[in-house]
Amino acid sequence: MSIYAIADLHLSFNHPKPMDIFGNNWENHAVKIKDDWIKNVKDQDTVLIPGDFSWETYLEDTYKDFEFLDKLPGKKILLKGNHDYWWTTLTNIRNYLKENNFNTIDILSNNSYELENYMVVGTRGWDYTKQDDRKIIQREIGRLKLSLEDAKNTNENKPTLVCMHYPPISKNYLNNEFERKIINLLKEYKVKKCIYGHLHGVSHAQAIVGEREGIEFNLVSADYLNFKLFKIQSIK
């Protein structure tokens, strides 16, 4: 079994939203994603989607986007992004998926998943430069800890893979108290890999990619990957 990742699908089949306003490379981006997905992913594989799956505002309008995703091979695990306005509660979303027989999709929210090679955890995160948003930031850090603790209680012998939508750290992380808290939390739970999305276009230059303090960080937003899935490598 293989694990792949791609964030920021930004699907909009019900109410089409042109994405090429963010760059010509976004033209027909769903087709590009689908073609690469079918080429690489097998039914026994898992694809992690760390946020911004659909542009829809209401859950009942997401049917076509979920239908597109469900028909692709593999199991899919979704995390909330800043544009997932349709996101309600875990119970509501799971009921919606069940009612529509979208059986290959599940949700990551204050919980964890045990896969063959990893325990997968995650939370949306926030923009940690917004010091006035301390309450939101502390809440997101608390949610990450809940997910990490759930993984530890399920199987502490497997390495942990963290998914976030917002970048967990920036190039200024040494001087940002919240980013330091995240690094310290990841180190406390012996996390070795962390993936995230959210950054597009010129913002790619802000991304932390590579190892910091023993943790490997990877940006997996769709346009950064040229709309090809990122394969998670096992920890050696």
C-alpha atoms as a PDB file:
ATOM      1  CA  MET A   1       0.000   0.000   0.000  1.00  0.00           C
ATOM      2  CA  SER A   2       1.240   3.476  -0.904  1.00  0.00           C
ATOM      3  CA  ILE A   3       0.343   6.854   0.611  1.00  0.00           C
ATOM      4  CA  TYR A   4      -0.009   9.931  -1.586  1.00  0.00           C
ATOM      5  CA  ALA A   5      -0.919  13.534  -0.840  1.00  0.00           C
ATOM      6  CA  ILE A   6      -2.250  16.574  -2.658  1.00  0.00           C
ATOM      7  CA  ALA A   7      -3.885  19.661  -1.133  1.00  0.00           C
ATOM      8  CA  ASP A   8      -5.977  22.478  -2.562  1.00  0.00           C
ATOM      9  CA  LEU A   9      -8.000  20.647  -5.201  1.00  0.00           C
ATOM     10  CA  HIS A  10     -10.371  23.651  -5.251  1.00  0.00           C
ATOM     11  CA  LEU A  11     -13.102  21.722  -7.063  1.00  0.00           C
ATOM     12  CA  SER A  12     -16.226  23.539  -8.234  1.00  0.00           C
ATOM     13  CA  PHE A  13     -18.263  21.250 -10.480  1.00  0.00           C
ATOM     14  CA  ASN A  14     -21.630  22.471  -9.181  1.00  0.00           C
ATOM     15  CA  HIS A  15     -20.886  26.194  -9.381  1.00  0.00           C
ATOM     16  CA  PRO A  16     -17.885  26.449 -11.726  1.00  0.00           C
ATOM     17  CA  LYS A  17     -15.200  28.837 -10.513  1.00  0.00           C
ATOM     18  CA  PRO A  18     -12.408  29.514 -13.024  1.00  0.00           C
ATOM     19  CA  MET A  19      -9.061  28.892 -11.355  1.00  0.00           C
ATOM     20  CA  ASP A  20      -6.888  30.276 -14.130  1.00  0.00           C
ATOM     21  CA  ILE A  21      -7.227  33.694 -12.478  1.00  0.00           C
ATOM     22  CA  PHE A  22      -4.517  32.333 -10.173  1.00  0.00           C
ATOM     23  CA  GLY A  23      -2.286  31.484 -13.142  1.00  0.00           C
ATOM     24  CA  ASN A  24      -2.521  29.814 -16.530  1.00  0.00           C
ATOM     25  CA  ASN A  25      -1.239  26.563 -15.020  1.00  0.00           C
ATOM     26  CA  TRP A  26      -4.612  26.188 -13.238  1.00  0.00           C
ATOM     27  CA  GLU A  27      -6.495  25.807 -16.525  1.00  0.00           C
ATOM     28  CA  ASN A  28      -8.255  22.397 -16.556  1.00  0.00           C
ATOM     29  CA  HIS A  29      -6.513  21.577 -13.277  1.00  0.00           C
ATOM     30  CA  ALA A  30      -9.087  18.919 -12.271  1.00  0.00           C
ATOM     31  CA  VAL A  31      -8.350  16.980 -15.467  1.00  0.00           C
ATOM     32  CA  LYS A  32      -4.609  17.148 -14.774  1.00  0.00           C
ATOM     33  CA  ILE A  33      -5.119  15.855 -11.241  1.00  0.00           C
ATOM     34  CA  LYS A  34      -7.421  13.067 -12.418  1.00  0.00           C
ATOM     35  CA  ASP A  35      -5.039  11.885 -15.139  1.00  0.00           C
ATOM     36  CA  ASP A  36      -2.059  11.652 -12.794  1.00  0.00           C
ATOM     37  CA  TRP A  37      -4.190  10.087 -10.033  1.00  0.00           C
ATOM     38  CA  ILE A  38      -5.495   7.291 -12.264  1.00  0.00           C
ATOM     39  CA  LYS A  39      -2.001   6.651 -13.591  1.00  0.00           C
ATOM     40  CA  ASN A  40      -0.481   6.130 -10.138  1.00  0.00           C
ATOM     41  CA  VAL A  41      -3.021   5.273  -7.437  1.00  0.00           C
ATOM     42  CA  LYS A  42      -4.295   1.744  -6.842  1.00  0.00           C
ATOM     43  CA  ASP A  43      -7.470   0.824  -4.940  1.00  0.00           C
ATOM     44  CA  GLN A  44      -5.464  -0.296  -1.907  1.00  0.00           C
ATOM     45  CA  ASP A  45      -3.615   3.056  -1.694  1.00  0.00           C
ATOM     46  CA  THR A  46      -4.532   6.120   0.397  1.00  0.00           C
ATOM     47  CA  VAL A  47      -4.511   9.765  -0.695  1.00  0.00           C
ATOM     48  CA  LEU A  48      -4.331  12.520   1.928  1.00  0.00           C
ATOM     49  CA  ILE A  49      -5.998  15.838   1.039  1.00  0.00           C
ATOM     50  CA  PRO A  50      -4.939  18.543   3.530  1.00  0.00           C
ATOM     51  CA  GLY A  51      -7.617  21.126   2.919  1.00  0.00           C
ATOM     52  CA  ASP A  52      -9.415  23.272   0.341  1.00  0.00           C
ATOM     53  CA  PHE A  53     -11.140  20.377  -1.381  1.00  0.00           C
ATOM     54  CA  SER A  54     -14.231  22.261  -2.627  1.00  0.00           C
ATOM     55  CA  TRP A  55     -15.221  25.889  -3.177  1.00  0.00           C
ATOM     56  CA  GLU A  56     -18.832  25.175  -2.179  1.00  0.00           C
ATOM     57  CA  THR A  57     -20.399  27.027   0.735  1.00  0.00           C
ATOM     58  CA  TYR A  58     -22.948  24.392   1.748  1.00  0.00           C
ATOM     59  CA  LEU A  59     -22.491  20.665   2.238  1.00  0.00           C
ATOM     60  CA  GLU A  60     -25.534  19.808   0.099  1.00  0.00           C
ATOM     61  CA  ASP A  61     -23.875  21.548  -2.881  1.00  0.00           C
ATOM     62  CA  THR A  62     -20.704  19.439  -2.734  1.00  0.00           C
ATOM     63  CA  TYR A  63     -22.228  16.328  -4.365  1.00  0.00           C
ATOM     64  CA  LYS A  64     -20.501  16.662  -7.747  1.00  0.00           C
ATOM     65  CA  ASP A  65     -17.141  17.389  -6.131  1.00  0.00           C
ATOM     66  CA  PHE A  66     -17.393  14.376  -3.821  1.00  0.00           C
ATOM     67  CA  GLU A  67     -18.636  12.258  -6.728  1.00  0.00           C
ATOM     68  CA  PHE A  68     -15.533  13.182  -8.735  1.00  0.00           C
ATOM     69  CA  LEU A  69     -13.300  12.279  -5.793  1.00  0.00           C
ATOM     70  CA  ASP A  70     -15.095   9.055  -4.889  1.00  0.00           C
ATOM     71  CA  LYS A  71     -14.743   7.675  -8.417  1.00  0.00           C
ATOM     72  CA  LEU A  72     -10.969   8.014  -8.304  1.00  0.00           C
ATOM     73  CA  PRO A  73      -9.021   4.963  -7.094  1.00  0.00           C
ATOM     74  CA  GLY A  74      -7.869   4.590  -3.501  1.00  0.00           C
ATOM     75  CA  LYS A  75      -9.104   5.693  -0.097  1.00  0.00           C
ATOM     76  CA  LYS A  76      -9.193   9.446   0.504  1.00  0.00           C
ATOM     77  CA  ILE A  77      -8.784  11.249   3.838  1.00  0.00           C
ATOM     78  CA  LEU A  78      -9.808  14.915   3.930  1.00  0.00           C
ATOM     79  CA  LEU A  79      -8.691  17.681   6.275  1.00  0.00           C
ATOM     80  CA  LYS A  80     -10.391  21.067   6.591  1.00  0.00           C
ATOM     81  CA  GLY A  81      -8.900  24.057   4.750  1.00  0.00           C
ATOM     82  CA  ASN A  82      -9.600  27.780   5.052  1.00  0.00           C
ATOM     83  CA  HIS A  83     -11.861  27.720   1.964  1.00  0.00           C
ATOM     84  CA  ASP A  84     -13.863  24.632   2.938  1.00  0.00           C
ATOM     85  CA  TYR A  85     -16.888  26.691   3.988  1.00  0.00           C
ATOM     86  CA  TRP A  86     -19.138  23.640   3.438  1.00  0.00           C
ATOM     87  CA  TRP A  87     -17.445  21.883   6.376  1.00  0.00           C
ATOM     88  CA  THR A  88     -19.873  21.304   9.254  1.00  0.00           C
ATOM     89  CA  THR A  89     -19.450  18.653  11.941  1.00  0.00           C
ATOM     90  CA  LEU A  90     -17.713  15.301  11.647  1.00  0.00           C
ATOM     91  CA  THR A  91     -21.060  13.533  12.199  1.00  0.00           C
ATOM     92  CA  ASN A  92     -22.875  15.568   9.538  1.00  0.00           C
ATOM     93  CA  ILE A  93     -20.159  15.073   6.948  1.00  0.00           C
ATOM     94  CA  ARG A  94     -19.891  11.343   7.574  1.00  0.00           C
ATOM     95  CA  ASN A  95     -23.680  10.995   7.382  1.00  0.00           C
ATOM     96  CA  TYR A  96     -23.667  12.880   4.071  1.00  0.00           C
ATOM     97  CA  LEU A  97     -20.932  10.631   2.690  1.00  0.00           C
ATOM     98  CA  LYS A  98     -22.804   7.512   3.823  1.00  0.00           C
ATOM     99  CA  GLU A  99     -26.161   8.678   2.436  1.00  0.00           C
ATOM    100  CA  ASN A 100     -24.586   9.254  -0.972  1.00  0.00           C
ATOM    101  CA  ASN A 101     -22.520   6.041  -0.956  1.00  0.00           C
ATOM    102  CA  PHE A 102     -19.223   7.906  -1.114  1.00  0.00           C
ATOM    103  CA  ASN A 103     -17.548   4.971   0.537  1.00  0.00           C
ATOM    104  CA  THR A 104     -13.921   5.748  -0.316  1.00  0.00           C
ATOM    105  CA  ILE A 105     -13.811   9.061   1.583  1.00  0.00           C
ATOM    106  CA  ASP A 106     -13.369   9.862   5.273  1.00  0.00           C
ATOM    107  CA  ILE A 107     -12.567  12.895   7.422  1.00  0.00           C
ATOM    108  CA  LEU A 108      -9.587  13.817   9.609  1.00  0.00           C
ATOM    109  CA  SER A 109     -10.788  15.935  12.540  1.00  0.00           C
ATOM    110  CA  ASN A 110      -9.352  15.579  16.066  1.00  0.00           C
ATOM    111  CA  ASN A 111      -8.729  11.905  15.307  1.00  0.00           C
ATOM    112  CA  SER A 112      -6.084   9.720  13.693  1.00  0.00           C
ATOM    113  CA  TYR A 113      -5.837   6.969  11.087  1.00  0.00           C
ATOM    114  CA  GLU A 114      -3.717   3.876  11.250  1.00  0.00           C
ATOM    115  CA  LEU A 115      -2.293   3.011   7.852  1.00  0.00           C
ATOM    116  CA  GLU A 116       0.249   0.373   6.959  1.00  0.00           C
ATOM    117  CA  ASN A 117       3.318   2.560   7.478  1.00  0.00           C
ATOM    118  CA  TYR A 118       2.074   5.516   9.533  1.00  0.00           C
ATOM    119  CA  MET A 119      -0.330   6.956  12.022  1.00  0.00           C
ATOM    120  CA  VAL A 120      -1.893   9.951  10.232  1.00  0.00           C
ATOM    121  CA  VAL A 121      -3.007  12.990  12.245  1.00  0.00           C
ATOM    122  CA  GLY A 122      -3.767  16.634  11.518  1.00  0.00           C
ATOM    123  CA  THR A 123      -5.580  19.926  11.909  1.00  0.00           C
ATOM    124  CA  ARG A 124      -6.241  22.988   9.743  1.00  0.00           C
ATOM    125  CA  GLY A 125      -3.822  25.322  11.520  1.00  0.00           C
ATOM    126  CA  TRP A 126      -3.792  29.119  11.128  1.00  0.00           C
ATOM    127  CA  ASP A 127      -1.697  32.087  10.061  1.00  0.00           C
ATOM    128  CA  TYR A 128       0.664  32.275  13.047  1.00  0.00           C
ATOM    129  CA  THR A 129       1.829  35.800  12.203  1.00  0.00           C
ATOM    130  CA  LYS A 130      -1.610  37.098  13.280  1.00  0.00           C
ATOM    131  CA  GLN A 131      -0.784  37.716  16.913  1.00  0.00           C
ATOM    132  CA  ASP A 132      -4.295  39.092  17.568  1.00  0.00           C
ATOM    133  CA  ASP A 133      -5.739  35.665  16.745  1.00  0.00           C
ATOM    134  CA  ARG A 134      -4.207  34.019  19.806  1.00  0.00           C
ATOM    135  CA  LYS A 135      -7.445  32.270  20.773  1.00  0.00           C
ATOM    136  CA  ILE A 136      -7.855  30.649  17.341  1.00  0.00           C
ATOM    137  CA  ILE A 137      -4.180  29.695  17.191  1.00  0.00           C
ATOM    138  CA  GLN A 138      -4.213  28.127  20.653  1.00  0.00           C
ATOM    139  CA  ARG A 139      -7.353  26.197  19.672  1.00  0.00           C
ATOM    140  CA  GLU A 140      -5.671  24.820  16.548  1.00  0.00           C
ATOM    141  CA  ILE A 141      -2.579  23.807  18.508  1.00  0.00           C
ATOM    142  CA  GLY A 142      -4.885  22.072  20.989  1.00  0.00           C
ATOM    143  CA  ARG A 143      -6.632  20.204  18.168  1.00  0.00           C
ATOM    144  CA  LEU A 144      -3.288  19.051  16.805  1.00  0.00           C
ATOM    145  CA  LYS A 145      -2.389  17.725  20.257  1.00  0.00           C
ATOM    146  CA  LEU A 146      -5.711  15.847  20.450  1.00  0.00           C
ATOM    147  CA  SER A 147      -4.993  14.181  17.118  1.00  0.00           C
ATOM    148  CA  LEU A 148      -1.423  13.324  18.125  1.00  0.00           C
ATOM    149  CA  GLU A 149      -2.630  11.876  21.426  1.00  0.00           C
ATOM    150  CA  ASP A 150      -5.223   9.761  19.616  1.00  0.00           C
ATOM    151  CA  ALA A 151      -2.488   8.321  17.399  1.00  0.00           C
ATOM    152  CA  LYS A 152      -0.271   7.619  20.382  1.00  0.00           C
ATOM    153  CA  ASN A 153      -3.083   5.802  22.167  1.00  0.00           C
ATOM    154  CA  THR A 154      -3.909   3.778  19.050  1.00  0.00           C
ATOM    155  CA  ASN A 155      -0.408   2.635  18.137  1.00  0.00           C
ATOM    156  CA  GLU A 156       2.595   4.467  19.549  1.00  0.00           C
ATOM    157  CA  ASN A 157       5.008   2.135  17.743  1.00  0.00           C
ATOM    158  CA  LYS A 158       4.245   3.502  14.284  1.00  0.00           C
ATOM    159  CA  PRO A 159       5.798   6.774  13.041  1.00  0.00           C
ATOM    160  CA  THR A 160       3.396   9.712  12.857  1.00  0.00           C
ATOM    161  CA  LEU A 161       2.621  11.714   9.718  1.00  0.00           C
ATOM    162  CA  VAL A 162       1.116  15.155  10.391  1.00  0.00           C
ATOM    163  CA  CYS A 163      -1.203  16.865   7.884  1.00  0.00           C
ATOM    164  CA  MET A 164      -1.968  20.588   8.156  1.00  0.00           C
ATOM    165  CA  HIS A 165      -3.559  23.028   5.754  1.00  0.00           C
ATOM    166  CA  TYR A 166      -1.737  26.187   6.758  1.00  0.00           C
ATOM    167  CA  PRO A 167       2.057  26.008   6.818  1.00  0.00           C
ATOM    168  CA  PRO A 168       3.004  24.844  10.335  1.00  0.00           C
ATOM    169  CA  ILE A 169       6.134  26.991  10.339  1.00  0.00           C
ATOM    170  CA  SER A 170       7.621  29.825   8.307  1.00  0.00           C
ATOM    171  CA  LYS A 171      11.175  30.907   7.629  1.00  0.00           C
ATOM    172  CA  ASN A 172      10.880  33.073  10.750  1.00  0.00           C
ATOM    173  CA  TYR A 173       9.765  30.195  12.991  1.00  0.00           C
ATOM    174  CA  LEU A 174      12.651  30.633  15.438  1.00  0.00           C
ATOM    175  CA  ASN A 175      11.197  34.015  16.438  1.00  0.00           C
ATOM    176  CA  ASN A 176       7.481  33.127  16.414  1.00  0.00           C
ATOM    177  CA  GLU A 177       6.161  31.789  19.723  1.00  0.00           C
ATOM    178  CA  PHE A 178       3.315  29.818  18.112  1.00  0.00           C
ATOM    179  CA  GLU A 179       5.489  28.199  15.468  1.00  0.00           C
ATOM    180  CA  ARG A 180       7.957  27.243  18.190  1.00  0.00           C
ATOM    181  CA  LYS A 181       5.075  25.636  20.101  1.00  0.00           C
ATOM    182  CA  ILE A 182       4.192  23.578  17.028  1.00  0.00           C
ATOM    183  CA  ILE A 183       7.795  22.463  16.516  1.00  0.00           C
ATOM    184  CA  ASN A 184       8.048  21.526  20.186  1.00  0.00           C
ATOM    185  CA  LEU A 185       4.749  19.614  20.006  1.00  0.00           C
ATOM    186  CA  LEU A 186       5.865  17.673  16.945  1.00  0.00           C
ATOM    187  CA  LYS A 187       9.154  16.831  18.615  1.00  0.00           C
ATOM    188  CA  GLU A 188       7.366  15.782  21.823  1.00  0.00           C
ATOM    189  CA  TYR A 189       5.378  13.214  19.847  1.00  0.00           C
ATOM    190  CA  LYS A 190       8.433  12.185  17.791  1.00  0.00           C
ATOM    191  CA  VAL A 191       6.929  13.300  14.472  1.00  0.00           C
ATOM    192  CA  LYS A 192       9.292  12.873  11.530  1.00  0.00           C
ATOM    193  CA  LYS A 193       7.117  14.025   8.609  1.00  0.00           C
ATOM    194  CA  CYS A 194       4.682  16.905   8.128  1.00  0.00           C
ATOM    195  CA  ILE A 195       2.795  17.905   4.953  1.00  0.00           C
ATOM    196  CA  TYR A 196       0.774  21.062   4.306  1.00  0.00           C
ATOM    197  CA  GLY A 197      -0.863  23.137   1.558  1.00  0.00           C
ATOM    198  CA  HIS A 198      -2.415  26.619   1.273  1.00  0.00           C
ATOM    199  CA  LEU A 199       0.471  28.352  -0.523  1.00  0.00           C
ATOM    200  CA  HIS A 200       0.011  29.198  -4.215  1.00  0.00           C
ATOM    201  CA  GLY A 201       1.922  30.970  -6.954  1.00  0.00           C
ATOM    202  CA  VAL A 202       4.513  33.441  -5.687  1.00  0.00           C
ATOM    203  CA  SER A 203       3.788  32.277  -2.129  1.00  0.00           C
ATOM    204  CA  HIS A 204       5.630  29.026  -2.900  1.00  0.00           C
ATOM    205  CA  ALA A 205       8.833  30.940  -2.184  1.00  0.00           C
ATOM    206  CA  GLN A 206       7.753  31.240   1.457  1.00  0.00           C
ATOM    207  CA  ALA A 207       7.493  27.479   1.930  1.00  0.00           C
ATOM    208  CA  ILE A 208       9.656  25.448   4.272  1.00  0.00           C
ATOM    209  CA  VAL A 209      10.582  22.296   2.359  1.00  0.00           C
ATOM    210  CA  GLY A 210      13.082  19.877   3.802  1.00  0.00           C
ATOM    211  CA  GLU A 211      14.274  19.022   7.287  1.00  0.00           C
ATOM    212  CA  ARG A 212      14.047  21.325  10.271  1.00  0.00           C
ATOM    213  CA  GLU A 213      14.973  20.060  13.732  1.00  0.00           C
ATOM    214  CA  GLY A 214      14.662  16.441  12.676  1.00  0.00           C
ATOM    215  CA  ILE A 215      11.253  16.886  10.984  1.00  0.00           C
ATOM    216  CA  GLU A 216      10.768  16.673   7.214  1.00  0.00           C
ATOM    217  CA  PHE A 217       8.344  19.305   5.874  1.00  0.00           C
ATOM    218  CA  ASN A 218       6.735  19.105   2.428  1.00  0.00           C
ATOM    219  CA  LEU A 219       4.425  21.528   0.630  1.00  0.00           C
ATOM    220  CA  VAL A 220       1.759  19.545  -1.260  1.00  0.00           C
ATOM    221  CA  SER A 221      -0.528  22.252  -2.679  1.00  0.00           C
ATOM    222  CA  ALA A 222      -1.707  21.180  -6.125  1.00  0.00           C
ATOM    223  CA  ASP A 223      -0.030  23.904  -8.170  1.00  0.00           C
ATOM    224  CA  TYR A 224       3.272  23.472  -6.310  1.00  0.00           C
ATOM    225  CA  LEU A 225       3.187  19.799  -7.354  1.00  0.00           C
ATOM    226  CA  ASN A 226       2.239  20.733 -10.936  1.00  0.00           C
ATOM    227  CA  PHE A 227      -1.053  18.906 -10.210  1.00  0.00           C
ATOM    228  CA  LYS A 228       0.679  15.565  -9.670  1.00  0.00           C
ATOM    229  CA  LEU A 229       0.324  13.569  -6.457  1.00  0.00           C
ATOM    230  CA  PHE A 230       3.136  13.553  -3.917  1.00  0.00           C
ATOM    231  CA  LYS A 231       4.182  10.083  -2.781  1.00  0.00           C
ATOM    232  CA  ILE A 232       4.960   9.749   0.925  1.00  0.00           C
ATOM    233  CA  GLN A 233       8.206   7.881   1.405  1.00  0.00           C
ATOM    234  CA  SER A 234       8.608   5.525   4.351  1.00  0.00           C
ATOM    235  CA  ILE A 235      10.892   6.531   7.205  1.00  0.00           C
ATOM    236  CA  LYS A 236      14.144   4.627   6.930  1.00  0.00           C
END
